[in-house]
Amino acid sequence: MFRLLSKESNIFSIPVYIGILLLIVIGFNFLDFNTLDVVSAIFTFAGIALGYFCFNAIALNYQTHLPLFLYTVIIFSLYLGDLDIGIAVSIFTNSIILLLLSNIDMVVRKNSYILVGAILALNFIFLPTTWPMSLFVILHIIGTSDKVALHIFRLFYGILLVALSYFGIAYFLGMNSWNPAYFPFTPLKPSKDLLNLVWLLPVALMLVHALMDHFKNFNKKSPTSKFKYTFTLIFSLAQLITIVLYMGNHYEYLLLLALPASIILSRMLRFLPKYWMKEIGLWLIIFSLLLFKLANYFKFNI
C-alpha cells in the first residue's frame, strides 16, 4: 500500500479527496438539522478542503498521495460531526493563513499581513484559545521579513481594524458586559482524562521519531527544506500549545494538528531505511487512528 501511495498525485487527485471529505462531513451530519451545526459543518469542510491545497503550497512531500491519504484518515478518525463552531472557524482560518504565508510570491506574502491580522482577530473572536497562532505569525515575520517592524505594524493594524469593528457592533447591539472567555489565560485546565489518547501513542511516538531524525540530519537538508520544515514545526507548536492548555476532554481540538502531522508523518515514512518499515509504519498509523475513533464512539454513544 505504501508503494501505491508513494506515486505522484495529479490534478484530479485533490478533487477526489475533497469528494471523499464531503461524504465524510455529510455522513456525520445528515441526521442533524441544527442550524449552528450546519454552519459549523460548512466551515469545517471548507477549512479541511483548503488544507489539501496547503500540501502543494508547502511542498515538502513531493506531491505524492501519501500525505493526502494520511490527512484524510486523520480527519475521519478525529471528526465526530458535532464540531464546535469555534474550532471549525479556526481550521478554516488556519488554512487561509498557511496558504498566504507559504505563497512563493514574496510580494503577495508581504502585502498579506493586514489580511492575516484581520483573520487572526476573527479567529480569536470565535475561539480565544487559539491566541498562539499570533505567536506563530510574529515568529514567521521575524524569521522571513526584511522589514520586521513594518510588517508587525501591518499585522496589528489588521487586528485593530477587526477589533474596532467588533466592539462597535457589540456596542450598538447593547452588549456592554465583558466575557471572561476573551481572557483565556486563567484558569488553565489541561486534560486529566488521557485514557483514550493511549490509542494515539504509536502516532505520537512516530512524530517524536520524525523530529529526532529531522534534527539528526539537519545539516544534510537543503536551505529550502529547512525553512519549510521549520515553518511547519512552528505552526505545529502553536497548535500544540492550544491543545495542551485548553483541550480538556474536547478531543476535536486535535483536528488543529491534522495538517502538520500529515506532513511530518509522511516524510518520516518516506525516509525510513527499509520498505517493510514503511509499510508497517503506515498500517500502524491507520489502525491507531481507527482504534481511537472506535474508543471515542463507544464512549460517547453507549
Protein backbone atom coordinates (compact mmCIF):
# COMPACT_ATOMS: atom_id res chain seq x y z
CA MET A 1 0.00 0.00 0.00
CA PHE A 2 2.85 2.37 0.78
CA ARG A 3 4.23 1.92 -2.75
CA LEU A 4 0.83 2.78 -4.21
CA LEU A 5 0.50 5.93 -2.09
CA SER A 6 4.06 6.98 -2.99
CA LYS A 7 3.01 7.64 -6.58
CA GLU A 8 2.84 11.26 -7.65
CA SER A 9 -0.59 12.84 -7.44
CA ASN A 10 -2.14 14.61 -10.44
CA ILE A 11 -4.63 17.42 -10.99
CA PHE A 12 -7.53 15.04 -10.38
CA SER A 13 -6.28 13.82 -7.00
CA ILE A 14 -7.29 16.75 -4.79
CA PRO A 15 -10.89 16.90 -6.16
CA VAL A 16 -11.24 13.17 -5.43
CA TYR A 17 -10.02 13.61 -1.84
CA ILE A 18 -12.30 16.62 -1.39
CA GLY A 19 -15.19 14.48 -2.64
CA ILE A 20 -14.35 11.84 -0.02
CA LEU A 21 -14.16 14.61 2.60
CA LEU A 22 -17.61 15.85 1.55
CA LEU A 23 -19.02 12.34 2.03
CA ILE A 24 -17.43 12.16 5.50
CA VAL A 25 -18.90 15.53 6.56
CA ILE A 26 -22.34 14.70 5.14
CA GLY A 27 -22.23 11.22 6.67
CA PHE A 28 -21.68 12.62 10.16
CA ASN A 29 -24.23 15.43 9.80
CA PHE A 30 -27.12 14.15 7.67
CA LEU A 31 -29.34 13.40 10.67
CA ASP A 32 -28.61 16.71 12.42
CA PHE A 33 -30.74 19.65 11.31
CA ASN A 34 -29.44 22.13 13.89
CA THR A 35 -28.59 25.37 12.06
CA LEU A 36 -25.43 26.01 14.09
CA ASP A 37 -24.14 22.51 13.34
CA VAL A 38 -24.78 23.04 9.62
CA VAL A 39 -22.77 26.29 9.70
CA SER A 40 -20.03 24.50 11.65
CA ALA A 41 -20.00 21.67 9.09
CA ILE A 42 -19.64 24.17 6.22
CA PHE A 43 -16.67 25.90 7.86
CA THR A 44 -15.15 22.51 8.72
CA PHE A 45 -15.47 21.26 5.16
CA ALA A 46 -14.09 24.49 3.68
CA GLY A 47 -11.15 24.60 6.10
CA ILE A 48 -10.18 20.96 5.65
CA ALA A 49 -10.63 21.18 1.87
CA LEU A 50 -8.27 24.18 1.77
CA GLY A 51 -5.82 22.05 3.74
CA TYR A 52 -5.38 19.79 0.71
CA PHE A 53 -4.07 22.76 -1.27
CA CYS A 54 -1.65 23.62 1.56
CA PHE A 55 0.31 20.43 0.85
CA ASN A 56 1.26 21.71 -2.60
CA ALA A 57 1.89 25.22 -1.25
CA ILE A 58 4.27 23.98 1.47
CA ALA A 59 5.71 21.41 -0.96
CA LEU A 60 7.50 19.12 1.48
CA ASN A 61 6.08 15.78 0.32
CA TYR A 62 7.00 15.59 -3.35
CA GLN A 63 3.31 15.85 -4.37
CA THR A 64 2.58 12.20 -3.58
CA HIS A 65 -0.69 10.65 -2.43
CA LEU A 66 0.70 9.67 0.98
CA PRO A 67 0.19 12.98 2.86
CA LEU A 68 -3.25 13.45 1.25
CA PHE A 69 -4.27 9.95 2.32
CA LEU A 70 -2.95 10.35 5.88
CA TYR A 71 -4.70 13.72 6.17
CA THR A 72 -8.00 12.14 5.11
CA VAL A 73 -7.63 9.24 7.56
CA ILE A 74 -6.76 11.62 10.42
CA ILE A 75 -9.79 13.81 9.65
CA PHE A 76 -12.08 10.77 9.51
CA SER A 77 -10.73 9.48 12.82
CA LEU A 78 -10.96 12.77 14.74
CA TYR A 79 -14.10 14.30 13.26
CA LEU A 80 -17.28 13.28 15.10
CA GLY A 81 -19.75 15.56 13.31
CA ASP A 82 -20.83 17.98 16.04
CA LEU A 83 -17.74 20.15 15.83
CA ASP A 84 -17.72 23.34 17.88
CA ILE A 85 -18.17 26.42 15.67
CA GLY A 86 -15.02 27.98 17.16
CA ILE A 87 -12.82 25.03 16.18
CA ALA A 88 -14.45 24.84 12.74
CA VAL A 89 -13.70 28.52 12.07
CA SER A 90 -10.18 28.07 13.43
CA ILE A 91 -9.48 25.21 10.99
CA PHE A 92 -10.79 27.40 8.16
CA THR A 93 -8.76 30.48 9.12
CA ASN A 94 -5.60 28.44 9.78
CA SER A 95 -5.75 27.05 6.24
CA ILE A 96 -6.10 30.53 4.74
CA ILE A 97 -3.18 31.85 6.83
CA LEU A 98 -0.97 28.92 5.77
CA LEU A 99 -1.83 29.48 2.10
CA LEU A 100 -0.98 33.18 2.40
CA LEU A 101 2.26 32.74 4.34
CA SER A 102 3.54 29.85 2.20
CA ASN A 103 2.93 31.67 -1.10
CA ILE A 104 6.07 31.59 -3.23
CA ASP A 105 5.46 35.19 -4.36
CA MET A 106 7.24 37.44 -1.84
CA VAL A 107 5.13 40.44 -2.87
CA VAL A 108 1.93 38.55 -2.06
CA ARG A 109 3.32 37.48 1.32
CA LYS A 110 4.47 40.97 2.28
CA ASN A 111 1.18 42.57 1.27
CA SER A 112 -0.97 39.99 3.06
CA TYR A 113 -0.08 40.82 6.67
CA ILE A 114 -3.02 43.21 7.16
CA LEU A 115 -5.34 40.46 5.94
CA VAL A 116 -3.57 37.89 8.14
CA GLY A 117 -4.01 40.20 11.14
CA ALA A 118 -7.73 40.56 10.39
CA ILE A 119 -8.07 36.77 10.09
CA LEU A 120 -6.25 36.26 13.41
CA ALA A 121 -8.65 38.69 15.08
CA LEU A 122 -11.68 36.85 13.65
CA ASN A 123 -10.14 33.58 14.79
CA PHE A 124 -9.75 34.96 18.31
CA ILE A 125 -13.35 36.21 18.38
CA PHE A 126 -14.68 32.74 17.57
CA LEU A 127 -12.14 30.80 19.66
CA PRO A 128 -9.94 32.86 22.05
CA THR A 129 -7.86 29.79 22.94
CA THR A 130 -6.19 29.98 19.51
CA TRP A 131 -4.11 33.01 20.55
CA PRO A 132 -0.82 31.04 19.99
CA MET A 133 -1.41 31.43 16.23
CA SER A 134 -0.47 35.09 16.67
CA LEU A 135 2.92 33.99 18.04
CA PHE A 136 3.40 31.74 15.01
CA VAL A 137 2.76 34.62 12.61
CA ILE A 138 5.03 37.01 14.55
CA LEU A 139 7.87 34.46 14.58
CA HIS A 140 7.34 33.90 10.85
CA ILE A 141 7.63 37.65 10.22
CA ILE A 142 10.80 37.90 12.34
CA GLY A 143 12.37 34.93 10.55
CA THR A 144 11.48 35.88 6.96
CA SER A 145 10.94 39.63 6.68
CA ASP A 146 13.46 42.31 5.81
CA LYS A 147 11.21 44.97 7.39
CA VAL A 148 10.12 43.34 10.64
CA ALA A 149 8.74 46.45 12.35
CA LEU A 150 6.69 47.48 9.30
CA HIS A 151 5.12 44.07 8.82
CA ILE A 152 4.36 43.60 12.51
CA PHE A 153 2.69 47.05 12.39
CA ARG A 154 0.62 45.87 9.41
CA LEU A 155 -0.31 42.71 11.30
CA PHE A 156 -1.54 44.61 14.36
CA TYR A 157 -3.26 47.18 12.15
CA GLY A 158 -5.34 44.35 10.63
CA ILE A 159 -6.11 43.08 14.14
CA LEU A 160 -7.10 46.58 15.24
CA LEU A 161 -9.49 47.07 12.30
CA VAL A 162 -11.44 43.93 13.17
CA ALA A 163 -11.33 44.65 16.92
CA LEU A 164 -12.76 48.16 16.47
CA SER A 165 -15.46 46.85 14.14
CA TYR A 166 -16.36 44.09 16.60
CA PHE A 167 -16.55 46.42 19.61
CA GLY A 168 -18.53 48.94 17.57
CA ILE A 169 -21.12 46.34 16.55
CA ALA A 170 -21.26 44.97 20.10
CA TYR A 171 -21.83 48.49 21.47
CA PHE A 172 -24.75 49.21 19.13
CA LEU A 173 -26.28 45.83 19.96
CA GLY A 174 -26.15 46.67 23.66
CA MET A 175 -23.53 44.06 24.53
CA ASN A 176 -21.83 46.03 27.28
CA SER A 177 -20.57 43.23 29.56
CA TRP A 178 -17.11 41.64 29.28
CA ASN A 179 -16.97 37.91 28.55
CA PRO A 180 -14.19 36.24 30.63
CA ALA A 181 -13.62 33.81 27.74
CA TYR A 182 -11.79 36.62 25.92
CA PHE A 183 -9.01 36.46 28.50
CA PRO A 184 -8.11 32.77 28.11
CA PHE A 185 -5.02 32.78 30.33
CA THR A 186 -6.55 31.87 33.71
CA PRO A 187 -7.57 29.41 34.91
CA LEU A 188 -5.90 26.86 32.66
CA LYS A 189 -7.46 23.40 32.67
CA PRO A 190 -5.26 20.82 30.93
CA SER A 191 -6.84 17.46 30.19
CA LYS A 192 -6.81 14.96 33.04
CA ASP A 193 -8.65 12.20 31.17
CA LEU A 194 -5.86 10.86 28.96
CA LEU A 195 -7.04 7.24 28.77
CA ASN A 196 -8.49 7.48 25.26
CA LEU A 197 -5.36 9.21 24.00
CA VAL A 198 -3.41 6.00 24.66
CA TRP A 199 -4.63 4.72 21.28
CA LEU A 200 -2.73 7.56 19.63
CA LEU A 201 0.53 6.74 21.41
CA PRO A 202 2.08 4.98 18.33
CA VAL A 203 1.34 8.05 16.22
CA ALA A 204 2.83 10.34 18.88
CA LEU A 205 5.98 8.20 19.08
CA MET A 206 6.36 8.33 15.29
CA LEU A 207 6.08 12.11 15.40
CA VAL A 208 8.81 12.24 18.06
CA HIS A 209 10.98 9.93 15.93
CA ALA A 210 10.39 12.17 12.92
CA LEU A 211 11.54 15.24 14.87
CA MET A 212 14.64 13.46 16.19
CA ASP A 213 15.53 12.25 12.70
CA HIS A 214 15.00 15.75 11.29
CA PHE A 215 17.42 17.38 13.72
CA LYS A 216 19.87 14.48 13.39
CA ASN A 217 20.08 15.04 9.62
CA PHE A 218 19.51 18.79 9.75
CA ASN A 219 22.81 19.73 8.07
CA LYS A 220 22.11 17.37 5.15
CA LYS A 221 18.90 19.15 4.16
CA SER A 222 18.65 21.94 1.62
CA PRO A 223 18.00 25.51 2.85
CA THR A 224 14.51 25.40 1.31
CA SER A 225 13.66 22.15 3.09
CA LYS A 226 15.00 23.51 6.40
CA PHE A 227 12.89 26.65 6.09
CA LYS A 228 9.67 24.85 5.13
CA TYR A 229 10.08 22.18 7.83
CA THR A 230 10.77 24.85 10.45
CA PHE A 231 7.67 26.70 9.22
CA THR A 232 5.64 23.51 9.72
CA LEU A 233 7.14 22.83 13.16
CA ILE A 234 6.43 26.34 14.48
CA PHE A 235 2.85 26.08 13.22
CA SER A 236 2.57 22.67 14.93
CA LEU A 237 3.94 24.14 18.18
CA ALA A 238 1.32 26.91 18.12
CA GLN A 239 -1.45 24.32 17.74
CA LEU A 240 0.11 22.10 20.39
CA ILE A 241 0.11 24.95 22.93
CA THR A 242 -3.63 25.40 22.38
CA ILE A 243 -4.25 21.66 22.67
CA VAL A 244 -2.21 21.16 25.85
CA LEU A 245 -3.64 24.20 27.64
CA TYR A 246 -7.28 24.10 26.57
CA MET A 247 -8.31 20.78 25.03
CA GLY A 248 -9.60 19.15 28.21
CA ASN A 249 -11.86 16.30 27.04
CA HIS A 250 -12.73 18.01 23.75
CA TYR A 251 -10.64 15.77 21.52
CA GLU A 252 -11.79 17.59 18.38
CA TYR A 253 -9.03 20.12 19.22
CA LEU A 254 -6.66 17.51 17.78
CA LEU A 255 -8.00 18.40 14.32
CA LEU A 256 -5.86 21.52 14.53
CA LEU A 257 -2.80 19.27 14.22
CA ALA A 258 -4.13 17.16 11.32
CA LEU A 259 -2.34 19.07 8.55
CA PRO A 260 1.17 19.39 10.06
CA ALA A 261 1.00 15.84 11.48
CA SER A 262 0.22 14.50 7.98
CA ILE A 263 3.24 16.30 6.53
CA ILE A 264 5.61 15.17 9.29
CA LEU A 265 4.40 11.54 9.32
CA SER A 266 4.51 11.15 5.54
CA ARG A 267 8.07 12.47 5.44
CA MET A 268 9.05 10.18 8.30
CA LEU A 269 7.66 7.14 6.45
CA ARG A 270 9.33 8.16 3.20
CA PHE A 271 12.80 8.32 4.75
CA LEU A 272 12.65 5.06 6.71
CA PRO A 273 15.54 2.81 5.55
CA LYS A 274 13.55 -0.38 4.80
CA TYR A 275 10.39 -0.85 2.75
CA TRP A 276 8.84 -3.19 5.33
CA MET A 277 9.30 -0.47 7.97
CA LYS A 278 7.40 1.97 5.76
CA GLU A 279 4.54 -0.47 5.22
CA ILE A 280 4.24 -1.47 8.88
CA GLY A 281 4.51 2.16 9.96
CA LEU A 282 1.69 3.18 7.61
CA TRP A 283 -0.66 0.43 8.81
CA LEU A 284 0.21 1.15 12.45
CA ILE A 285 -0.82 4.77 11.95
CA ILE A 286 -4.08 3.74 10.28
CA PHE A 287 -5.03 1.19 12.96
CA SER A 288 -4.10 3.54 15.81
CA LEU A 289 -6.34 6.27 14.41
CA LEU A 290 -9.24 3.89 13.78
CA LEU A 291 -8.96 2.41 17.28
CA PHE A 292 -9.02 5.93 18.71
CA LYS A 293 -12.19 6.68 16.75
CA LEU A 294 -13.87 3.45 17.90
CA ALA A 295 -12.91 4.14 21.52
CA ASN A 296 -14.46 7.61 21.35
CA TYR A 297 -17.55 6.35 19.54
CA PHE A 298 -18.33 3.78 22.23
CA LYS A 299 -17.50 6.31 24.96
CA PHE A 300 -19.97 8.92 23.73
CA ASN A 301 -22.71 6.72 22.24
CA ILE A 302 -23.11 3.86 24.71
